[in-house]
PDB file of N, CA and C in Angstrom:
ATOM      1  N   MET A   1     107.597  54.796 185.495  1.00  0.00           N
ATOM      2  CA  MET A   1     109.210  54.563 185.191  1.00  0.00           C
ATOM      3  C   MET A   1     109.653  53.661 185.851  1.00  0.00           C
ATOM      4  N   ARG A   2     109.533  54.114 187.075  1.00  0.00           N
ATOM      5  CA  ARG A   2     110.023  53.115 188.216  1.00  0.00           C
ATOM      6  C   ARG A   2     109.729  51.649 188.089  1.00  0.00           C
ATOM      7  N   ALA A   3     108.696  51.094 187.869  1.00  0.00           N
ATOM      8  CA  ALA A   3     108.270  49.919 187.488  1.00  0.00           C
ATOM      9  C   ALA A   3     108.885  49.004 186.509  1.00  0.00           C
ATOM     10  N   TYR A   4     109.161  50.005 185.362  1.00  0.00           N
ATOM     11  CA  TYR A   4     109.793  49.487 184.074  1.00  0.00           C
ATOM     12  C   TYR A   4     111.404  49.194 184.415  1.00  0.00           C
ATOM     13  N   LEU A   5     112.062  50.261 185.142  1.00  0.00           N
ATOM     14  CA  LEU A   5     113.270  49.801 185.557  1.00  0.00           C
ATOM     15  C   LEU A   5     113.344  48.701 186.398  1.00  0.00           C
ATOM     16  N   ARG A   6     112.382  48.541 187.314  1.00  0.00           N
ATOM     17  CA  ARG A   6     112.372  47.429 188.417  1.00  0.00           C
ATOM     18  C   ARG A   6     112.377  46.145 187.343  1.00  0.00           C
ATOM     19  N   LEU A   7     111.490  46.146 186.787  1.00  0.00           N
ATOM     20  CA  LEU A   7     111.111  44.722 185.642  1.00  0.00           C
ATOM     21  C   LEU A   7     112.564  44.766 185.026  1.00  0.00           C
ATOM     22  N   MET A   8     112.980  45.888 184.071  1.00  0.00           N
ATOM     23  CA  MET A   8     114.357  45.346 183.470  1.00  0.00           C
ATOM     24  C   MET A   8     115.680  45.000 184.516  1.00  0.00           C
ATOM     25  N   ALA A   9     115.523  45.418 185.682  1.00  0.00           N
ATOM     26  CA  ALA A   9     116.557  44.935 186.250  1.00  0.00           C
ATOM     27  C   ALA A   9     116.548  43.233 186.870  1.00  0.00           C
ATOM     28  N   THR A  10     115.122  43.041 187.216  1.00  0.00           N
ATOM     29  CA  THR A  10     114.685  41.588 187.457  1.00  0.00           C
ATOM     30  C   THR A  10     114.829  40.743 186.163  1.00  0.00           C
ATOM     31  N   LEU A  11     115.045  41.124 185.022  1.00  0.00           N
ATOM     32  CA  LEU A  11     114.984  40.608 183.873  1.00  0.00           C
ATOM     33  C   LEU A  11     116.361  40.304 183.411  1.00  0.00           C
ATOM     34  N   VAL A  12     117.237  41.272 183.743  1.00  0.00           N
ATOM     35  CA  VAL A  12     118.900  41.064 183.800  1.00  0.00           C
ATOM     36  C   VAL A  12     119.390  40.141 184.681  1.00  0.00           C
ATOM     37  N   VAL A  13     118.868  40.340 185.942  1.00  0.00           N
ATOM     38  CA  VAL A  13     119.214  39.468 186.957  1.00  0.00           C
ATOM     39  C   VAL A  13     118.800  37.785 186.289  1.00  0.00           C
ATOM     40  N   ALA A  14     117.712  37.649 185.972  1.00  0.00           N
ATOM     41  CA  ALA A  14     117.431  36.392 185.541  1.00  0.00           C
ATOM     42  C   ALA A  14     118.073  35.735 184.267  1.00  0.00           C
ATOM     43  N   ALA A  15     118.489  36.617 183.761  1.00  0.00           N
ATOM     44  CA  ALA A  15     119.197  36.210 182.512  1.00  0.00           C
ATOM     45  C   ALA A  15     120.754  35.816 182.835  1.00  0.00           C
ATOM     46  N   VAL A  16     121.276  36.593 183.760  1.00  0.00           N
ATOM     47  CA  VAL A  16     122.746  36.400 184.218  1.00  0.00           C
ATOM     48  C   VAL A  16     122.701  35.216 185.220  1.00  0.00           C
ATOM     49  N   ALA A  17     121.590  34.963 185.833  1.00  0.00           N
ATOM     50  CA  ALA A  17     121.576  33.437 186.498  1.00  0.00           C
ATOM     51  C   ALA A  17     121.371  32.350 185.825  1.00  0.00           C
ATOM     52  N   MET A  18     120.592  32.453 184.747  1.00  0.00           N
ATOM     53  CA  MET A  18     120.450  31.075 184.076  1.00  0.00           C
ATOM     54  C   MET A  18     120.889  31.323 182.599  1.00  0.00           C
ATOM     55  N   PRO A  19     121.923  30.859 182.293  1.00  0.00           N
ATOM     56  CA  PRO A  19     122.579  31.042 181.293  1.00  0.00           C
ATOM     57  C   PRO A  19     122.030  29.708 180.036  1.00  0.00           C
ATOM     58  N   ALA A  20     121.864  30.071 178.958  1.00  0.00           N
ATOM     59  CA  ALA A  20     121.662  28.796 178.321  1.00  0.00           C
ATOM     60  C   ALA A  20     122.700  28.070 177.832  1.00  0.00           C
ATOM     61  N   SER A  21     122.183  26.851 177.553  1.00  0.00           N
ATOM     62  CA  SER A  21     123.082  25.645 177.588  1.00  0.00           C
ATOM     63  C   SER A  21     123.066  24.995 176.023  1.00  0.00           C
ATOM     64  N   TRP A  22     123.826  24.188 175.697  1.00  0.00           N
ATOM     65  CA  TRP A  22     123.784  23.210 174.320  1.00  0.00           C
ATOM     66  C   TRP A  22     122.549  22.272 174.533  1.00  0.00           C
ATOM     67  N   PHE A  23     122.366  21.955 175.763  1.00  0.00           N
ATOM     68  CA  PHE A  23     120.949  20.622 175.939  1.00  0.00           C
ATOM     69  C   PHE A  23     119.603  21.685 175.757  1.00  0.00           C
ATOM     70  N   GLN A  24     119.589  22.767 175.929  1.00  0.00           N
ATOM     71  CA  GLN A  24     118.345  23.885 175.598  1.00  0.00           C
ATOM     72  C   GLN A  24     118.294  23.871 174.097  1.00  0.00           C
ATOM     73  N   LEU A  25     119.454  24.050 173.392  1.00  0.00           N
ATOM     74  CA  LEU A  25     119.564  24.206 172.254  1.00  0.00           C
ATOM     75  C   LEU A  25     119.002  22.966 171.527  1.00  0.00           C
ATOM     76  N   LEU A  26     119.618  21.827 171.979  1.00  0.00           N
ATOM     77  CA  LEU A  26     119.003  20.484 171.410  1.00  0.00           C
ATOM     78  C   LEU A  26     117.667  20.168 171.614  1.00  0.00           C
ATOM     79  N   ASP A  27     117.236  20.396 172.717  1.00  0.00           N
ATOM     80  CA  ASP A  27     115.736  20.513 172.958  1.00  0.00           C
ATOM     81  C   ASP A  27     114.684  21.052 172.187  1.00  0.00           C
ATOM     82  N   THR A  28     115.568  22.492 171.720  1.00  0.00           N
ATOM     83  CA  THR A  28     114.873  23.175 170.802  1.00  0.00           C
ATOM     84  C   THR A  28     114.790  22.588 169.306  1.00  0.00           C
ATOM     85  N   LEU A  29     115.592  21.979 169.083  1.00  0.00           N
ATOM     86  CA  LEU A  29     115.975  21.544 167.777  1.00  0.00           C
ATOM     87  C   LEU A  29     114.873  20.092 167.676  1.00  0.00           C
ATOM     88  N   LYS A  30     115.054  19.135 168.547  1.00  0.00           N
ATOM     89  CA  LYS A  30     114.005  18.276 168.567  1.00  0.00           C
ATOM     90  C   LYS A  30     112.587  18.698 168.633  1.00  0.00           C
ATOM     91  N   GLU A  31     112.395  19.638 169.395  1.00  0.00           N
ATOM     92  CA  GLU A  31     110.943  19.956 169.067  1.00  0.00           C
ATOM     93  C   GLU A  31     110.454  20.657 167.791  1.00  0.00           C
ATOM     94  N   GLN A  32     111.651  21.214 167.193  1.00  0.00           N
ATOM     95  CA  GLN A  32     111.090  21.747 165.914  1.00  0.00           C
ATOM     96  C   GLN A  32     111.117  20.588 164.780  1.00  0.00           C
ATOM     97  N   ALA A  33     111.845  19.378 165.033  1.00  0.00           N
ATOM     98  CA  ALA A  33     111.824  18.364 164.465  1.00  0.00           C
ATOM     99  C   ALA A  33     110.406  17.747 164.488  1.00  0.00           C
ATOM    100  N   SER A  34     109.846  17.633 165.816  1.00  0.00           N
ATOM    101  CA  SER A  34     108.464  17.253 165.616  1.00  0.00           C
ATOM    102  C   SER A  34     107.443  17.882 165.314  1.00  0.00           C
ATOM    103  N   TYR A  35     107.419  19.296 165.194  1.00  0.00           N
ATOM    104  CA  TYR A  35     106.704  19.885 164.900  1.00  0.00           C
ATOM    105  C   TYR A  35     106.387  19.725 163.097  1.00  0.00           C
ATOM    106  N   GLU A  36     107.783  19.772 162.775  1.00  0.00           N
ATOM    107  CA  GLU A  36     107.779  19.485 161.234  1.00  0.00           C
ATOM    108  C   GLU A  36     107.174  18.204 160.610  1.00  0.00           C
ATOM    109  N   SER A  37     107.609  17.243 161.532  1.00  0.00           N
ATOM    110  CA  SER A  37     107.073  15.867 161.104  1.00  0.00           C
ATOM    111  C   SER A  37     105.428  15.578 161.438  1.00  0.00           C
ATOM    112  N   TYR A  38     105.057  16.482 162.458  1.00  0.00           N
ATOM    113  CA  TYR A  38     103.494  16.305 162.637  1.00  0.00           C
ATOM    114  C   TYR A  38     102.915  16.981 161.230  1.00  0.00           C
ATOM    115  N   TYR A  39     103.073  18.432 161.102  1.00  0.00           N
ATOM    116  CA  TYR A  39     102.467  19.269 160.052  1.00  0.00           C
ATOM    117  C   TYR A  39     102.863  18.452 158.487  1.00  0.00           C
ATOM    118  N   ARG A  40     103.834  17.936 158.372  1.00  0.00           N
ATOM    119  CA  ARG A  40     104.143  17.162 157.272  1.00  0.00           C
ATOM    120  C   ARG A  40     102.960  15.948 156.796  1.00  0.00           C
ATOM    121  N   SER A  41     102.701  15.343 157.980  1.00  0.00           N
ATOM    122  CA  SER A  41     101.870  14.185 158.123  1.00  0.00           C
ATOM    123  C   SER A  41     100.154  14.765 157.849  1.00  0.00           C
ATOM    124  N   GLN A  42     100.006  15.965 157.857  1.00  0.00           N
ATOM    125  CA  GLN A  42      98.520  16.142 157.790  1.00  0.00           C
ATOM    126  C   GLN A  42      98.158  16.729 156.399  1.00  0.00           C
ATOM    127  N   PRO A  43      97.129  16.413 155.872  1.00  0.00           N
ATOM    128  CA  PRO A  43      96.587  16.660 154.608  1.00  0.00           C
ATOM    129  C   PRO A  43      96.254  18.304 154.661  1.00  0.00           C
ATOM    130  N   PRO A  44      96.321  19.211 153.500  1.00  0.00           N
ATOM    131  CA  PRO A  44      96.381  20.460 153.407  1.00  0.00           C
ATOM    132  C   PRO A  44      94.827  21.040 153.475  1.00  0.00           C
ATOM    133  N   VAL A  45      94.497  21.994 154.024  1.00  0.00           N
ATOM    134  CA  VAL A  45      93.126  22.335 154.420  1.00  0.00           C
ATOM    135  C   VAL A  45      92.516  23.551 153.342  1.00  0.00           C
ATOM    136  N   ALA A  46      93.835  24.169 152.841  1.00  0.00           N
ATOM    137  CA  ALA A  46      93.537  24.987 151.619  1.00  0.00           C
ATOM    138  C   ALA A  46      94.626  25.030 150.245  1.00  0.00           C
ATOM    139  N   CYS A  47      94.286  25.310 149.248  1.00  0.00           N
ATOM    140  CA  CYS A  47      94.933  25.259 148.150  1.00  0.00           C
ATOM    141  C   CYS A  47      96.309  26.229 148.291  1.00  0.00           C
ATOM    142  N   PRO A  48      97.308  25.474 147.766  1.00  0.00           N
ATOM    143  CA  PRO A  48      98.435  26.199 147.920  1.00  0.00           C
ATOM    144  C   PRO A  48      98.661  27.242 146.974  1.00  0.00           C
ATOM    145  N   TRP A  49      98.086  27.064 146.026  1.00  0.00           N
ATOM    146  CA  TRP A  49      97.925  28.084 144.685  1.00  0.00           C
ATOM    147  C   TRP A  49      97.266  29.355 145.095  1.00  0.00           C
ATOM    148  N   CYS A  50      95.895  28.994 145.421  1.00  0.00           N
ATOM    149  CA  CYS A  50      95.390  30.278 145.523  1.00  0.00           C
ATOM    150  C   CYS A  50      94.799  30.650 146.986  1.00  0.00           C
ATOM    151  N   GLY A  51      94.976  29.596 148.111  1.00  0.00           N
ATOM    152  CA  GLY A  51      94.385  29.929 149.288  1.00  0.00           C
ATOM    153  C   GLY A  51      93.060  29.319 149.769  1.00  0.00           C
ATOM    154  N   GLN A  52      92.224  28.962 148.405  1.00  0.00           N
ATOM    155  CA  GLN A  52      90.808  28.844 148.655  1.00  0.00           C
ATOM    156  C   GLN A  52      90.663  27.314 149.588  1.00  0.00           C
ATOM    157  N   PRO A  53      89.562  27.287 150.539  1.00  0.00           N
ATOM    158  CA  PRO A  53      89.636  26.153 151.071  1.00  0.00           C
ATOM    159  C   PRO A  53      89.157  25.005 150.143  1.00  0.00           C
ATOM    160  N   LEU A  54      89.939  23.903 150.274  1.00  0.00           N
ATOM    161  CA  LEU A  54      89.691  22.483 149.654  1.00  0.00           C
ATOM    162  C   LEU A  54      88.342  21.844 149.953  1.00  0.00           C
ATOM    163  N   THR A  55      88.039  21.561 149.001  1.00  0.00           N
ATOM    164  CA  THR A  55      86.337  20.691 148.889  1.00  0.00           C
ATOM    165  C   THR A  55      86.538  19.014 148.572  1.00  0.00           C
ATOM    166  N   ASN A  56      85.665  18.518 149.624  1.00  0.00           N
ATOM    167  CA  ASN A  56      85.783  16.832 149.457  1.00  0.00           C
ATOM    168  C   ASN A  56      85.310  16.586 148.029  1.00  0.00           C
ATOM    169  N   GLY A  57      86.086  15.779 147.763  1.00  0.00           N
ATOM    170  CA  GLY A  57      85.369  15.312 146.008  1.00  0.00           C
ATOM    171  C   GLY A  57      84.174  14.188 146.285  1.00  0.00           C
ATOM    172  N   PRO A  58      83.886  13.543 145.111  1.00  0.00           N
ATOM    173  CA  PRO A  58      82.796  12.931 145.052  1.00  0.00           C
ATOM    174  C   PRO A  58      83.301  11.233 145.762  1.00  0.00           C
ATOM    175  N   PRO A  59      82.203  10.852 146.330  1.00  0.00           N
ATOM    176  CA  PRO A  59      82.416   9.244 147.087  1.00  0.00           C
ATOM    177  C   PRO A  59      83.328   8.455 146.173  1.00  0.00           C
ATOM    178  N   GLN A  60      82.997   8.336 144.945  1.00  0.00           N
ATOM    179  CA  GLN A  60      83.906   7.293 144.228  1.00  0.00           C
ATOM    180  C   GLN A  60      85.404   7.629 144.047  1.00  0.00           C
ATOM    181  N   ALA A  61      85.785   8.761 144.346  1.00  0.00           N
ATOM    182  CA  ALA A  61      87.127   9.593 144.177  1.00  0.00           C
ATOM    183  C   ALA A  61      87.911   8.859 145.226  1.00  0.00           C
ATOM    184  N   GLY A  62      87.425   8.356 146.315  1.00  0.00           N
ATOM    185  CA  GLY A  62      88.108   8.132 147.326  1.00  0.00           C
ATOM    186  C   GLY A  62      88.594   9.366 148.116  1.00  0.00           C
ATOM    187  N   ALA A  63      89.636   9.250 148.862  1.00  0.00           N
ATOM    188  CA  ALA A  63      89.931  10.480 149.967  1.00  0.00           C
ATOM    189  C   ALA A  63      90.742  11.779 148.946  1.00  0.00           C
ATOM    190  N   LEU A  64      89.569  12.191 148.159  1.00  0.00           N
ATOM    191  CA  LEU A  64      90.088  13.108 147.126  1.00  0.00           C
ATOM    192  C   LEU A  64      89.711  15.023 147.671  1.00  0.00           C
ATOM    193  N   LEU A  65      90.313  15.730 147.793  1.00  0.00           N
ATOM    194  CA  LEU A  65      90.241  16.981 148.116  1.00  0.00           C
ATOM    195  C   LEU A  65      90.828  17.847 146.785  1.00  0.00           C
ATOM    196  N   TYR A  66      89.928  18.724 146.649  1.00  0.00           N
ATOM    197  CA  TYR A  66      90.064  19.545 145.634  1.00  0.00           C
ATOM    198  C   TYR A  66      89.634  21.037 145.611  1.00  0.00           C
ATOM    199  N   CYS A  67      90.377  21.848 144.834  1.00  0.00           N
ATOM    200  CA  CYS A  67      89.890  23.439 144.849  1.00  0.00           C
ATOM    201  C   CYS A  67      89.135  23.699 143.505  1.00  0.00           C
ATOM    202  N   PRO A  68      87.809  24.116 144.153  1.00  0.00           N
ATOM    203  CA  PRO A  68      86.814  24.532 143.116  1.00  0.00           C
ATOM    204  C   PRO A  68      87.349  25.925 142.102  1.00  0.00           C
ATOM    205  N   SER A  69      88.508  26.604 142.488  1.00  0.00           N
ATOM    206  CA  SER A  69      88.749  27.677 141.827  1.00  0.00           C
ATOM    207  C   SER A  69      89.735  27.327 140.698  1.00  0.00           C
ATOM    208  N   ASP A  70      90.777  26.545 140.886  1.00  0.00           N
ATOM    209  CA  ASP A  70      91.867  26.134 139.783  1.00  0.00           C
ATOM    210  C   ASP A  70      91.969  24.818 139.683  1.00  0.00           C
ATOM    211  N   GLY A  71      91.310  23.950 140.072  1.00  0.00           N
ATOM    212  CA  GLY A  71      91.473  22.304 139.851  1.00  0.00           C
ATOM    213  C   GLY A  71      92.472  21.879 140.301  1.00  0.00           C
ATOM    214  N   TRP A  72      93.160  22.199 141.383  1.00  0.00           N
ATOM    215  CA  TRP A  72      94.210  21.633 142.175  1.00  0.00           C
ATOM    216  C   TRP A  72      93.807  20.432 143.078  1.00  0.00           C
ATOM    217  N   GLN A  73      94.300  19.435 142.939  1.00  0.00           N
ATOM    218  CA  GLN A  73      93.759  18.150 143.638  1.00  0.00           C
ATOM    219  C   GLN A  73      94.933  17.669 144.687  1.00  0.00           C
ATOM    220  N   TYR A  74      94.359  17.212 146.049  1.00  0.00           N
ATOM    221  CA  TYR A  74      95.156  16.288 146.686  1.00  0.00           C
ATOM    222  C   TYR A  74      94.645  15.097 146.577  1.00  0.00           C
ATOM    223  N   PRO A  75      95.355  13.899 146.722  1.00  0.00           N
ATOM    224  CA  PRO A  75      96.910  13.843 146.453  1.00  0.00           C
ATOM    225  C   PRO A  75      97.556  14.141 145.046  1.00  0.00           C
ATOM    226  N   ARG A  76      96.959  14.306 144.175  1.00  0.00           N
ATOM    227  CA  ARG A  76      97.404  14.374 142.896  1.00  0.00           C
ATOM    228  C   ARG A  76      98.546  15.131 142.761  1.00  0.00           C
ATOM    229  N   ASP A  77      98.157  16.372 143.077  1.00  0.00           N
ATOM    230  CA  ASP A  77      99.360  17.822 142.628  1.00  0.00           C
ATOM    231  C   ASP A  77      99.812  18.161 144.190  1.00  0.00           C
ATOM    232  N   TRP A  78     100.066  17.195 145.029  1.00  0.00           N
ATOM    233  CA  TRP A  78     100.647  17.294 146.375  1.00  0.00           C
ATOM    234  C   TRP A  78     102.170  16.993 146.055  1.00  0.00           C
ATOM    235  N   ASP A  79     102.917  17.965 146.398  1.00  0.00           N
ATOM    236  CA  ASP A  79     104.318  17.996 146.724  1.00  0.00           C
ATOM    237  C   ASP A  79     104.724  18.036 148.258  1.00  0.00           C
ATOM    238  N   GLU A  80     105.258  17.025 148.793  1.00  0.00           N
ATOM    239  CA  GLU A  80     105.346  17.043 150.308  1.00  0.00           C
ATOM    240  C   GLU A  80     106.505  17.957 150.424  1.00  0.00           C
ATOM    241  N   ASP A  81     107.462  18.334 149.659  1.00  0.00           N
ATOM    242  CA  ASP A  81     109.017  18.661 149.670  1.00  0.00           C
ATOM    243  C   ASP A  81     108.779  20.241 149.692  1.00  0.00           C
ATOM    244  N   SER A  82     107.714  20.712 148.867  1.00  0.00           N
ATOM    245  CA  SER A  82     107.602  22.102 148.569  1.00  0.00           C
ATOM    246  C   SER A  82     106.327  22.678 149.128  1.00  0.00           C
ATOM    247  N   MET A  83     105.266  21.790 149.646  1.00  0.00           N
ATOM    248  CA  MET A  83     104.071  22.386 150.376  1.00  0.00           C
ATOM    249  C   MET A  83     103.703  21.954 151.449  1.00  0.00           C
ATOM    250  N   ALA A  84     104.446  20.870 152.224  1.00  0.00           N
ATOM    251  CA  ALA A  84     103.972  20.422 153.435  1.00  0.00           C
ATOM    252  C   ALA A  84     104.906  21.325 154.380  1.00  0.00           C
ATOM    253  N   GLY A  85     104.391  21.359 155.588  1.00  0.00           N
ATOM    254  CA  GLY A  85     105.125  21.970 156.389  1.00  0.00           C
ATOM    255  C   GLY A  85     104.591  23.271 157.113  1.00  0.00           C
ATOM    256  N   MET A  86     104.784  24.200 157.987  1.00  0.00           N
ATOM    257  CA  MET A  86     104.436  25.160 158.514  1.00  0.00           C
ATOM    258  C   MET A  86     104.494  26.339 157.951  1.00  0.00           C
TER     259      MET A  86
END
């Protein structure tokens, strides 16, 4: 119990000593924007409808990924606004 109280006292002192600033909030928003742009640029690895891993299509189809369960195809059925992201 004493160790817990000592830890809590240390955390309270640290929180009072270092207040958050608007620059930290701005850095957090910039980091979130970089994560979003990264994940939007990545192709899907699983079907957004059923969660089944996507399979590579035939070589003549180019860069086609499809779901063997329900026929979902990338990039034909891909909607970046509703399916991309984290």
